[in-house]
Amino acid sequence: MSFPKLANSNESGNKPAVYLTVDELTLLFGSVIETKLKEFKPTIHTPQKEETHLNFMQAVEFLKISKPTFVKLRREGKIKGLKVGARRVLFYRSELEQYLQDNHE
């Protein structure tokens, strides 16, 4: 198919040419990128509920038990912790909630 030769066409007259200033081109690219970003659906798994961690004292208070009882439960493997430092252990709130459900029915 042949297009009529226009002032805004390439030398052979086959396809219309479009002339844009640098600013117009930048705006065009920006709007295309913005549109594509709005359509973008990330495929990365995002947790439904953010997991919270409790330190030793927070976990003891959460379970409403004494420190020695908490230490005993840890030693028995009934409560598991996440070691994050030489002397620091954190506990998942969800696991503590599960412990309460399992042991206070």
PDB file of N, CA and C in Angstrom:
ATOM      1  N   MET A   1       0.844  -1.171   0.000  1.00  0.00           N
ATOM      2  CA  MET A   1       0.000   0.000   0.000  1.00  0.00           C
ATOM      3  C   MET A   1       0.887   1.231   0.000  1.00  0.00           C
ATOM      4  N   SER A   2       0.551   2.175  -0.769  1.00  0.00           N
ATOM      5  CA  SER A   2       1.357   3.381  -0.890  1.00  0.00           C
ATOM      6  C   SER A   2       0.562   4.579  -0.384  1.00  0.00           C
ATOM      7  N   PHE A   3       1.199   5.350   0.472  1.00  0.00           N
ATOM      8  CA  PHE A   3       0.574   6.567   0.991  1.00  0.00           C
ATOM      9  C   PHE A   3       0.904   7.732   0.068  1.00  0.00           C
ATOM     10  N   PRO A   4      -0.004   8.697  -0.043  1.00  0.00           N
ATOM     11  CA  PRO A   4       0.330   9.864  -0.850  1.00  0.00           C
ATOM     12  C   PRO A   4       1.487  10.611  -0.204  1.00  0.00           C
ATOM     13  N   LYS A   5       2.354  11.176  -1.029  1.00  0.00           N
ATOM     14  CA  LYS A   5       3.518  11.886  -0.504  1.00  0.00           C
ATOM     15  C   LYS A   5       3.041  13.145   0.197  1.00  0.00           C
ATOM     16  N   LEU A   6       3.355  13.221   1.476  1.00  0.00           N
ATOM     17  CA  LEU A   6       2.971  14.358   2.295  1.00  0.00           C
ATOM     18  C   LEU A   6       4.212  15.102   2.746  1.00  0.00           C
ATOM     19  N   ALA A   7       3.978  16.283   3.259  1.00  0.00           N
ATOM     20  CA  ALA A   7       5.105  17.045   3.789  1.00  0.00           C
ATOM     21  C   ALA A   7       5.739  16.301   4.956  1.00  0.00           C
ATOM     22  N   ASN A   8       4.933  15.556   5.706  1.00  0.00           N
ATOM     23  CA  ASN A   8       5.427  14.804   6.858  1.00  0.00           C
ATOM     24  C   ASN A   8       5.631  13.340   6.511  1.00  0.00           C
ATOM     25  N   SER A   9       6.263  13.026   5.422  1.00  0.00           N
ATOM     26  CA  SER A   9       6.543  11.635   5.066  1.00  0.00           C
ATOM     27  C   SER A   9       8.033  11.473   4.836  1.00  0.00           C
ATOM     28  N   ASN A  10       8.465  10.211   4.805  1.00  0.00           N
ATOM     29  CA  ASN A  10       9.882   9.986   4.550  1.00  0.00           C
ATOM     30  C   ASN A  10      10.170  10.246   3.072  1.00  0.00           C
ATOM     31  N   GLU A  11      11.402  10.124   2.677  1.00  0.00           N
ATOM     32  CA  GLU A  11      11.810  10.487   1.318  1.00  0.00           C
ATOM     33  C   GLU A  11      11.065   9.711   0.241  1.00  0.00           C
ATOM     34  N   SER A  12      10.790   8.438   0.475  1.00  0.00           N
ATOM     35  CA  SER A  12      10.130   7.642  -0.550  1.00  0.00           C
ATOM     36  C   SER A  12       8.626   7.888  -0.584  1.00  0.00           C
ATOM     37  N   GLY A  13       8.079   8.506   0.459  1.00  0.00           N
ATOM     38  CA  GLY A  13       6.662   8.793   0.487  1.00  0.00           C
ATOM     39  C   GLY A  13       5.810   7.610   0.879  1.00  0.00           C
ATOM     40  N   ASN A  14       6.416   6.493   1.325  1.00  0.00           N
ATOM     41  CA  ASN A  14       5.660   5.295   1.651  1.00  0.00           C
ATOM     42  C   ASN A  14       4.950   5.366   3.005  1.00  0.00           C
ATOM     43  N   LYS A  15       5.568   5.964   3.985  1.00  0.00           N
ATOM     44  CA  LYS A  15       4.980   5.995   5.325  1.00  0.00           C
ATOM     45  C   LYS A  15       5.016   7.420   5.853  1.00  0.00           C
ATOM     46  N   PRO A  16       3.940   7.801   6.513  1.00  0.00           N
ATOM     47  CA  PRO A  16       3.962   9.138   7.104  1.00  0.00           C
ATOM     48  C   PRO A  16       5.033   9.216   8.183  1.00  0.00           C
ATOM     49  N   ALA A  17       5.698  10.318   8.279  1.00  0.00           N
ATOM     50  CA  ALA A  17       6.703  10.545   9.307  1.00  0.00           C
ATOM     51  C   ALA A  17       6.102  11.417  10.390  1.00  0.00           C
ATOM     52  N   VAL A  18       6.537  11.209  11.591  1.00  0.00           N
ATOM     53  CA  VAL A  18       6.081  12.022  12.705  1.00  0.00           C
ATOM     54  C   VAL A  18       7.297  12.706  13.286  1.00  0.00           C
ATOM     55  N   TYR A  19       7.189  13.981  13.456  1.00  0.00           N
ATOM     56  CA  TYR A  19       8.280  14.752  14.027  1.00  0.00           C
ATOM     57  C   TYR A  19       7.883  15.225  15.407  1.00  0.00           C
ATOM     58  N   LEU A  20       8.718  14.897  16.376  1.00  0.00           N
ATOM     59  CA  LEU A  20       8.468  15.300  17.756  1.00  0.00           C
ATOM     60  C   LEU A  20       9.689  16.020  18.291  1.00  0.00           C
ATOM     61  N   THR A  21       9.436  16.992  19.139  1.00  0.00           N
ATOM     62  CA  THR A  21      10.553  17.622  19.833  1.00  0.00           C
ATOM     63  C   THR A  21      10.999  16.675  20.939  1.00  0.00           C
ATOM     64  N   VAL A  22      12.149  16.948  21.501  1.00  0.00           N
ATOM     65  CA  VAL A  22      12.657  16.120  22.598  1.00  0.00           C
ATOM     66  C   VAL A  22      11.678  16.167  23.763  1.00  0.00           C
ATOM     67  N   ASP A  23      11.126  17.331  24.073  1.00  0.00           N
ATOM     68  CA  ASP A  23      10.163  17.450  25.166  1.00  0.00           C
ATOM     69  C   ASP A  23       8.899  16.641  24.891  1.00  0.00           C
ATOM     70  N   GLU A  24       8.390  16.683  23.664  1.00  0.00           N
ATOM     71  CA  GLU A  24       7.192  15.921  23.305  1.00  0.00           C
ATOM     72  C   GLU A  24       7.461  14.419  23.405  1.00  0.00           C
ATOM     73  N   LEU A  25       8.637  13.998  22.939  1.00  0.00           N
ATOM     74  CA  LEU A  25       9.008  12.586  23.009  1.00  0.00           C
ATOM     75  C   LEU A  25       9.130  12.134  24.469  1.00  0.00           C
ATOM     76  N   THR A  26       9.713  12.982  25.311  1.00  0.00           N
ATOM     77  CA  THR A  26       9.846  12.662  26.729  1.00  0.00           C
ATOM     78  C   THR A  26       8.476  12.522  27.381  1.00  0.00           C
ATOM     79  N   LEU A  27       7.560  13.420  27.077  1.00  0.00           N
ATOM     80  CA  LEU A  27       6.201  13.329  27.607  1.00  0.00           C
ATOM     81  C   LEU A  27       5.498  12.065  27.119  1.00  0.00           C
ATOM     82  N   LEU A  28       5.688  11.736  25.839  1.00  0.00           N
ATOM     83  CA  LEU A  28       5.068  10.534  25.282  1.00  0.00           C
ATOM     84  C   LEU A  28       5.584   9.282  25.980  1.00  0.00           C
ATOM     85  N   PHE A  29       6.904   9.162  26.112  1.00  0.00           N
ATOM     86  CA  PHE A  29       7.484   8.017  26.803  1.00  0.00           C
ATOM     87  C   PHE A  29       7.005   7.954  28.252  1.00  0.00           C
ATOM     88  N   GLY A  30       6.967   9.107  28.911  1.00  0.00           N
ATOM     89  CA  GLY A  30       6.521   9.154  30.303  1.00  0.00           C
ATOM     90  C   GLY A  30       5.099   8.652  30.459  1.00  0.00           C
ATOM     91  N   SER A  31       4.206   9.074  29.551  1.00  0.00           N
ATOM     92  CA  SER A  31       2.809   8.639  29.667  1.00  0.00           C
ATOM     93  C   SER A  31       2.661   7.151  29.360  1.00  0.00           C
ATOM     94  N   VAL A  32       3.436   6.654  28.413  1.00  0.00           N
ATOM     95  CA  VAL A  32       3.387   5.214  28.105  1.00  0.00           C
ATOM     96  C   VAL A  32       3.891   4.404  29.292  1.00  0.00           C
ATOM     97  N   ILE A  33       4.989   4.833  29.878  1.00  0.00           N
ATOM     98  CA  ILE A  33       5.550   4.120  31.033  1.00  0.00           C
ATOM     99  C   ILE A  33       4.578   4.171  32.204  1.00  0.00           C
ATOM    100  N   GLU A  34       3.986   5.334  32.450  1.00  0.00           N
ATOM    101  CA  GLU A  34       3.026   5.471  33.547  1.00  0.00           C
ATOM    102  C   GLU A  34       1.826   4.547  33.350  1.00  0.00           C
ATOM    103  N   THR A  35       1.332   4.463  32.119  1.00  0.00           N
ATOM    104  CA  THR A  35       0.204   3.583  31.813  1.00  0.00           C
ATOM    105  C   THR A  35       0.581   2.126  32.046  1.00  0.00           C
ATOM    106  N   LYS A  36       1.750   1.724  31.594  1.00  0.00           N
ATOM    107  CA  LYS A  36       2.193   0.338  31.762  1.00  0.00           C
ATOM    108  C   LYS A  36       2.406   0.002  33.234  1.00  0.00           C
ATOM    109  N   LEU A  37       2.922   0.943  34.021  1.00  0.00           N
ATOM    110  CA  LEU A  37       3.118   0.689  35.445  1.00  0.00           C
ATOM    111  C   LEU A  37       1.787   0.506  36.160  1.00  0.00           C
ATOM    112  N   LYS A  38       0.752   1.244  35.755  1.00  0.00           N
ATOM    113  CA  LYS A  38      -0.567   1.087  36.365  1.00  0.00           C
ATOM    114  C   LYS A  38      -1.153  -0.283  36.037  1.00  0.00           C
ATOM    115  N   GLU A  39      -0.854  -0.810  34.855  1.00  0.00           N
ATOM    116  CA  GLU A  39      -1.364  -2.119  34.436  1.00  0.00           C
ATOM    117  C   GLU A  39      -0.569  -3.271  35.030  1.00  0.00           C
ATOM    118  N   PHE A  40       0.637  -2.975  35.504  1.00  0.00           N
ATOM    119  CA  PHE A  40       1.557  -4.004  35.984  1.00  0.00           C
ATOM    120  C   PHE A  40       1.005  -4.686  37.223  1.00  0.00           C
ATOM    121  N   LYS A  41       0.991  -6.006  37.198  1.00  0.00           N
ATOM    122  CA  LYS A  41       0.576  -6.812  38.331  1.00  0.00           C
ATOM    123  C   LYS A  41       1.798  -7.601  38.801  1.00  0.00           C
ATOM    124  N   PRO A  42       2.346  -7.256  39.954  1.00  0.00           N
ATOM    125  CA  PRO A  42       3.548  -7.970  40.397  1.00  0.00           C
ATOM    126  C   PRO A  42       3.250  -9.445  40.653  1.00  0.00           C
ATOM    127  N   THR A  43       4.225 -10.283  40.333  1.00  0.00           N
ATOM    128  CA  THR A  43       4.065 -11.720  40.524  1.00  0.00           C
ATOM    129  C   THR A  43       4.726 -12.193  41.813  1.00  0.00           C
ATOM    130  N   ILE A  44       5.307 -11.274  42.550  1.00  0.00           N
ATOM    131  CA  ILE A  44       5.963 -11.624  43.803  1.00  0.00           C
ATOM    132  C   ILE A  44       4.898 -11.926  44.849  1.00  0.00           C
ATOM    133  N   HIS A  45       5.094 -13.021  45.573  1.00  0.00           N
ATOM    134  CA  HIS A  45       4.138 -13.405  46.613  1.00  0.00           C
ATOM    135  C   HIS A  45       4.205 -12.398  47.753  1.00  0.00           C
ATOM    136  N   THR A  46       3.064 -11.865  48.122  1.00  0.00           N
ATOM    137  CA  THR A  46       2.993 -10.977  49.274  1.00  0.00           C
ATOM    138  C   THR A  46       2.123 -11.663  50.321  1.00  0.00           C
ATOM    139  N   PRO A  47       2.618 -11.754  51.532  1.00  0.00           N
ATOM    140  CA  PRO A  47       1.851 -12.446  52.555  1.00  0.00           C
ATOM    141  C   PRO A  47       0.530 -11.741  52.835  1.00  0.00           C
ATOM    142  N   GLN A  48      -0.496 -12.513  53.154  1.00  0.00           N
ATOM    143  CA  GLN A  48      -1.803 -11.953  53.456  1.00  0.00           C
ATOM    144  C   GLN A  48      -1.758 -11.139  54.742  1.00  0.00           C
ATOM    145  N   LYS A  49      -1.077 -11.661  55.728  1.00  0.00           N
ATOM    146  CA  LYS A  49      -0.997 -10.989  57.013  1.00  0.00           C
ATOM    147  C   LYS A  49       0.467 -10.902  57.389  1.00  0.00           C
ATOM    148  N   GLU A  50       0.916  -9.716  57.713  1.00  0.00           N
ATOM    149  CA  GLU A  50       2.320  -9.550  58.062  1.00  0.00           C
ATOM    150  C   GLU A  50       2.612 -10.270  59.369  1.00  0.00           C
ATOM    151  N   GLU A  51       3.634 -11.091  59.355  1.00  0.00           N
ATOM    152  CA  GLU A  51       4.021 -11.858  60.534  1.00  0.00           C
ATOM    153  C   GLU A  51       4.758 -10.923  61.493  1.00  0.00           C
ATOM    154  N   THR A  52       4.363 -10.964  62.751  1.00  0.00           N
ATOM    155  CA  THR A  52       5.059 -10.144  63.736  1.00  0.00           C
ATOM    156  C   THR A  52       5.880 -11.039  64.641  1.00  0.00           C
ATOM    157  N   HIS A  53       6.982 -10.480  65.072  1.00  0.00           N
ATOM    158  CA  HIS A  53       7.899 -11.195  65.953  1.00  0.00           C
ATOM    159  C   HIS A  53       7.877 -10.539  67.325  1.00  0.00           C
ATOM    160  N   LEU A  54       8.023 -11.363  68.337  1.00  0.00           N
ATOM    161  CA  LEU A  54       8.080 -10.871  69.706  1.00  0.00           C
ATOM    162  C   LEU A  54       9.414 -11.281  70.312  1.00  0.00           C
ATOM    163  N   ASN A  55       9.974 -10.403  71.141  1.00  0.00           N
ATOM    164  CA  ASN A  55      11.175 -10.795  71.858  1.00  0.00           C
ATOM    165  C   ASN A  55      10.777 -11.627  73.076  1.00  0.00           C
ATOM    166  N   PHE A  56      11.745 -12.016  73.893  1.00  0.00           N
ATOM    167  CA  PHE A  56      11.500 -12.906  75.030  1.00  0.00           C
ATOM    168  C   PHE A  56      10.439 -12.330  75.968  1.00  0.00           C
ATOM    169  N   MET A  57      10.631 -11.101  76.419  1.00  0.00           N
ATOM    170  CA  MET A  57       9.703 -10.504  77.384  1.00  0.00           C
ATOM    171  C   MET A  57       8.311 -10.307  76.790  1.00  0.00           C
ATOM    172  N   GLN A  58       8.250  -9.903  75.537  1.00  0.00           N
ATOM    173  CA  GLN A  58       6.953  -9.728  74.884  1.00  0.00           C
ATOM    174  C   GLN A  58       6.221 -11.065  74.779  1.00  0.00           C
ATOM    175  N   ALA A  59       6.973 -12.122  74.465  1.00  0.00           N
ATOM    176  CA  ALA A  59       6.365 -13.458  74.348  1.00  0.00           C
ATOM    177  C   ALA A  59       5.845 -13.938  75.700  1.00  0.00           C
ATOM    178  N   VAL A  60       6.620 -13.705  76.773  1.00  0.00           N
ATOM    179  CA  VAL A  60       6.191 -14.086  78.122  1.00  0.00           C
ATOM    180  C   VAL A  60       4.905 -13.354  78.482  1.00  0.00           C
ATOM    181  N   GLU A  61       4.877 -12.044  78.201  1.00  0.00           N
ATOM    182  CA  GLU A  61       3.679 -11.254  78.511  1.00  0.00           C
ATOM    183  C   GLU A  61       2.490 -11.679  77.640  1.00  0.00           C
ATOM    184  N   PHE A  62       2.764 -11.991  76.387  1.00  0.00           N
ATOM    185  CA  PHE A  62       1.704 -12.408  75.473  1.00  0.00           C
ATOM    186  C   PHE A  62       1.035 -13.689  75.970  1.00  0.00           C
ATOM    187  N   LEU A  63       1.863 -14.640  76.422  1.00  0.00           N
ATOM    188  CA  LEU A  63       1.325 -15.924  76.898  1.00  0.00           C
ATOM    189  C   LEU A  63       0.799 -15.852  78.333  1.00  0.00           C
ATOM    190  N   LYS A  64       1.152 -14.758  79.025  1.00  0.00           N
ATOM    191  CA  LYS A  64       0.732 -14.571  80.425  1.00  0.00           C
ATOM    192  C   LYS A  64       1.225 -15.720  81.303  1.00  0.00           C
ATOM    193  N   ILE A  65       2.521 -16.015  81.148  1.00  0.00           N
ATOM    194  CA  ILE A  65       3.157 -17.044  81.966  1.00  0.00           C
ATOM    195  C   ILE A  65       4.438 -16.455  82.557  1.00  0.00           C
ATOM    196  N   SER A  66       5.035 -17.180  83.495  1.00  0.00           N
ATOM    197  CA  SER A  66       6.268 -16.707  84.124  1.00  0.00           C
ATOM    198  C   SER A  66       7.467 -16.977  83.209  1.00  0.00           C
ATOM    199  N   LYS A  67       8.557 -16.273  83.487  1.00  0.00           N
ATOM    200  CA  LYS A  67       9.787 -16.487  82.715  1.00  0.00           C
ATOM    201  C   LYS A  67      10.289 -17.930  82.848  1.00  0.00           C
ATOM    202  N   PRO A  68      10.356 -18.484  84.087  1.00  0.00           N
ATOM    203  CA  PRO A  68      10.820 -19.870  84.198  1.00  0.00           C
ATOM    204  C   PRO A  68       9.944 -20.869  83.435  1.00  0.00           C
ATOM    205  N   THR A  69       8.632 -20.640  83.436  1.00  0.00           N
ATOM    206  CA  THR A  69       7.734 -21.535  82.689  1.00  0.00           C
ATOM    207  C   THR A  69       8.010 -21.424  81.191  1.00  0.00           C
ATOM    208  N   PHE A  70       8.226 -20.207  80.728  1.00  0.00           N
ATOM    209  CA  PHE A  70       8.524 -19.995  79.309  1.00  0.00           C
ATOM    210  C   PHE A  70       9.820 -20.708  78.921  1.00  0.00           C
ATOM    211  N   VAL A  71      10.849 -20.561  79.754  1.00  0.00           N
ATOM    212  CA  VAL A  71      12.137 -21.227  79.499  1.00  0.00           C
ATOM    213  C   VAL A  71      11.943 -22.742  79.461  1.00  0.00           C
ATOM    214  N   LYS A  72      11.140 -23.275  80.392  1.00  0.00           N
ATOM    215  CA  LYS A  72      10.869 -24.715  80.433  1.00  0.00           C
ATOM    216  C   LYS A  72      10.173 -25.180  79.150  1.00  0.00           C
ATOM    217  N   LEU A  73       9.184 -24.417  78.693  1.00  0.00           N
ATOM    218  CA  LEU A  73       8.476 -24.771  77.461  1.00  0.00           C
ATOM    219  C   LEU A  73       9.412 -24.751  76.256  1.00  0.00           C
ATOM    220  N   ARG A  74      10.340 -23.814  76.245  1.00  0.00           N
ATOM    221  CA  ARG A  74      11.323 -23.764  75.152  1.00  0.00           C
ATOM    222  C   ARG A  74      12.234 -24.974  75.203  1.00  0.00           C
ATOM    223  N   ARG A  75      12.697 -25.319  76.393  1.00  0.00           N
ATOM    224  CA  ARG A  75      13.589 -26.464  76.565  1.00  0.00           C
ATOM    225  C   ARG A  75      12.902 -27.755  76.125  1.00  0.00           C
ATOM    226  N   GLU A  76      11.603 -27.860  76.385  1.00  0.00           N
ATOM    227  CA  GLU A  76      10.827 -29.042  76.003  1.00  0.00           C
ATOM    228  C   GLU A  76      10.461 -29.041  74.514  1.00  0.00           C
ATOM    229  N   GLY A  77      10.742 -27.940  73.831  1.00  0.00           N
ATOM    230  CA  GLY A  77      10.456 -27.856  72.398  1.00  0.00           C
ATOM    231  C   GLY A  77       9.019 -27.496  72.074  1.00  0.00           C
ATOM    232  N   LYS A  78       8.265 -27.074  73.076  1.00  0.00           N
ATOM    233  CA  LYS A  78       6.866 -26.724  72.847  1.00  0.00           C
ATOM    234  C   LYS A  78       6.722 -25.325  72.242  1.00  0.00           C
ATOM    235  N   ILE A  79       7.742 -24.509  72.454  1.00  0.00           N
ATOM    236  CA  ILE A  79       7.788 -23.169  71.860  1.00  0.00           C
ATOM    237  C   ILE A  79       9.119 -23.047  71.135  1.00  0.00           C
ATOM    238  N   LYS A  80       9.050 -22.695  69.876  1.00  0.00           N
ATOM    239  CA  LYS A  80      10.266 -22.563  69.074  1.00  0.00           C
ATOM    240  C   LYS A  80      10.559 -21.091  68.834  1.00  0.00           C
ATOM    241  N   GLY A  81      11.841 -20.768  68.769  1.00  0.00           N
ATOM    242  CA  GLY A  81      12.260 -19.394  68.533  1.00  0.00           C
ATOM    243  C   GLY A  81      13.118 -19.291  67.285  1.00  0.00           C
ATOM    244  N   LEU A  82      13.341 -18.074  66.885  1.00  0.00           N
ATOM    245  CA  LEU A  82      14.163 -17.771  65.718  1.00  0.00           C
ATOM    246  C   LEU A  82      15.386 -17.020  66.208  1.00  0.00           C
ATOM    247  N   LYS A  83      16.550 -17.669  66.171  1.00  0.00           N
ATOM    248  CA  LYS A  83      17.771 -17.043  66.668  1.00  0.00           C
ATOM    249  C   LYS A  83      18.246 -16.015  65.652  1.00  0.00           C
ATOM    250  N   VAL A  84      18.351 -14.760  66.092  1.00  0.00           N
ATOM    251  CA  VAL A  84      18.747 -13.680  65.183  1.00  0.00           C
ATOM    252  C   VAL A  84      20.047 -13.017  65.604  1.00  0.00           C
ATOM    253  N   GLY A  85      20.645 -13.492  66.638  1.00  0.00           N
ATOM    254  CA  GLY A  85      21.916 -12.947  67.108  1.00  0.00           C
ATOM    255  C   GLY A  85      22.531 -13.900  68.101  1.00  0.00           C
ATOM    256  N   ALA A  86      23.687 -13.515  68.634  1.00  0.00           N
ATOM    257  CA  ALA A  86      24.376 -14.380  69.582  1.00  0.00           C
ATOM    258  C   ALA A  86      23.503 -14.674  70.803  1.00  0.00           C
ATOM    259  N   ARG A  87      22.771 -13.661  71.276  1.00  0.00           N
ATOM    260  CA  ARG A  87      21.939 -13.859  72.469  1.00  0.00           C
ATOM    261  C   ARG A  87      20.496 -13.425  72.248  1.00  0.00           C
ATOM    262  N   ARG A  88      20.124 -13.208  71.012  1.00  0.00           N
ATOM    263  CA  ARG A  88      18.774 -12.707  70.744  1.00  0.00           C
ATOM    264  C   ARG A  88      17.937 -13.751  70.013  1.00  0.00           C
ATOM    265  N   VAL A  89      16.753 -13.995  70.539  1.00  0.00           N
ATOM    266  CA  VAL A  89      15.811 -14.934  69.952  1.00  0.00           C
ATOM    267  C   VAL A  89      14.473 -14.227  69.817  1.00  0.00           C
ATOM    268  N   LEU A  90      13.844 -14.388  68.654  1.00  0.00           N
ATOM    269  CA  LEU A  90      12.516 -13.830  68.429  1.00  0.00           C
ATOM    270  C   LEU A  90      11.518 -14.968  68.267  1.00  0.00           C
ATOM    271  N   PHE A  91      10.251 -14.665  68.524  1.00  0.00           N
ATOM    272  CA  PHE A  91       9.199 -15.677  68.469  1.00  0.00           C
ATOM    273  C   PHE A  91       8.086 -15.171  67.568  1.00  0.00           C
ATOM    274  N   TYR A  92       7.599 -16.060  66.704  1.00  0.00           N
ATOM    275  CA  TYR A  92       6.484 -15.706  65.824  1.00  0.00           C
ATOM    276  C   TYR A  92       5.204 -15.630  66.640  1.00  0.00           C
ATOM    277  N   ARG A  93       4.495 -14.528  66.496  1.00  0.00           N
ATOM    278  CA  ARG A  93       3.223 -14.361  67.206  1.00  0.00           C
ATOM    279  C   ARG A  93       2.246 -15.477  66.820  1.00  0.00           C
ATOM    280  N   SER A  94       2.235 -15.839  65.534  1.00  0.00           N
ATOM    281  CA  SER A  94       1.295 -16.875  65.079  1.00  0.00           C
ATOM    282  C   SER A  94       1.566 -18.213  65.761  1.00  0.00           C
ATOM    283  N   GLU A  95       2.850 -18.546  66.001  1.00  0.00           N
ATOM    284  CA  GLU A  95       3.168 -19.800  66.685  1.00  0.00           C
ATOM    285  C   GLU A  95       2.763 -19.753  68.157  1.00  0.00           C
ATOM    286  N   LEU A  96       2.907 -18.584  68.769  1.00  0.00           N
ATOM    287  CA  LEU A  96       2.484 -18.440  70.165  1.00  0.00           C
ATOM    288  C   LEU A  96       0.961 -18.544  70.272  1.00  0.00           C
ATOM    289  N   GLU A  97       0.259 -17.956  69.312  1.00  0.00           N
ATOM    290  CA  GLU A  97      -1.207 -18.069  69.281  1.00  0.00           C
ATOM    291  C   GLU A  97      -1.621 -19.526  69.114  1.00  0.00           C
ATOM    292  N   GLN A  98      -0.904 -20.243  68.248  1.00  0.00           N
ATOM    293  CA  GLN A  98      -1.200 -21.663  68.034  1.00  0.00           C
ATOM    294  C   GLN A  98      -0.956 -22.464  69.307  1.00  0.00           C
ATOM    295  N   TYR A  99       0.123 -22.141  70.022  1.00  0.00           N
ATOM    296  CA  TYR A  99       0.404 -22.820  71.296  1.00  0.00           C
ATOM    297  C   TYR A  99      -0.756 -22.607  72.272  1.00  0.00           C
ATOM    298  N   LEU A 100      -1.244 -21.369  72.341  1.00  0.00           N
ATOM    299  CA  LEU A 100      -2.366 -21.088  73.245  1.00  0.00           C
ATOM    300  C   LEU A 100      -3.611 -21.886  72.861  1.00  0.00           C
ATOM    301  N   GLN A 101      -3.897 -21.955  71.577  1.00  0.00           N
ATOM    302  CA  GLN A 101      -5.068 -22.712  71.110  1.00  0.00           C
ATOM    303  C   GLN A 101      -4.927 -24.190  71.437  1.00  0.00           C
ATOM    304  N   ASP A 102      -3.742 -24.729  71.202  1.00  0.00           N
ATOM    305  CA  ASP A 102      -3.507 -26.167  71.410  1.00  0.00           C
ATOM    306  C   ASP A 102      -3.531 -26.554  72.892  1.00  0.00           C
ATOM    307  N   ASN A 103      -3.166 -25.633  73.774  1.00  0.00           N
ATOM    308  CA  ASN A 103      -2.992 -25.989  75.185  1.00  0.00           C
ATOM    309  C   ASN A 103      -4.010 -25.363  76.125  1.00  0.00           C
ATOM    310  N   HIS A 104      -4.953 -24.632  75.595  1.00  0.00           N
ATOM    311  CA  HIS A 104      -5.954 -24.007  76.476  1.00  0.00           C
ATOM    312  C   HIS A 104      -7.355 -24.209  75.909  1.00  0.00           C
ATOM    313  N   GLU A 105      -7.677 -25.421  75.573  1.00  0.00           N
ATOM    314  CA  GLU A 105      -9.009 -25.709  75.001  1.00  0.00           C
ATOM    315  C   GLU A 105     -10.027 -26.006  76.056  1.00  0.00           C
TER     316      GLU A 105
END
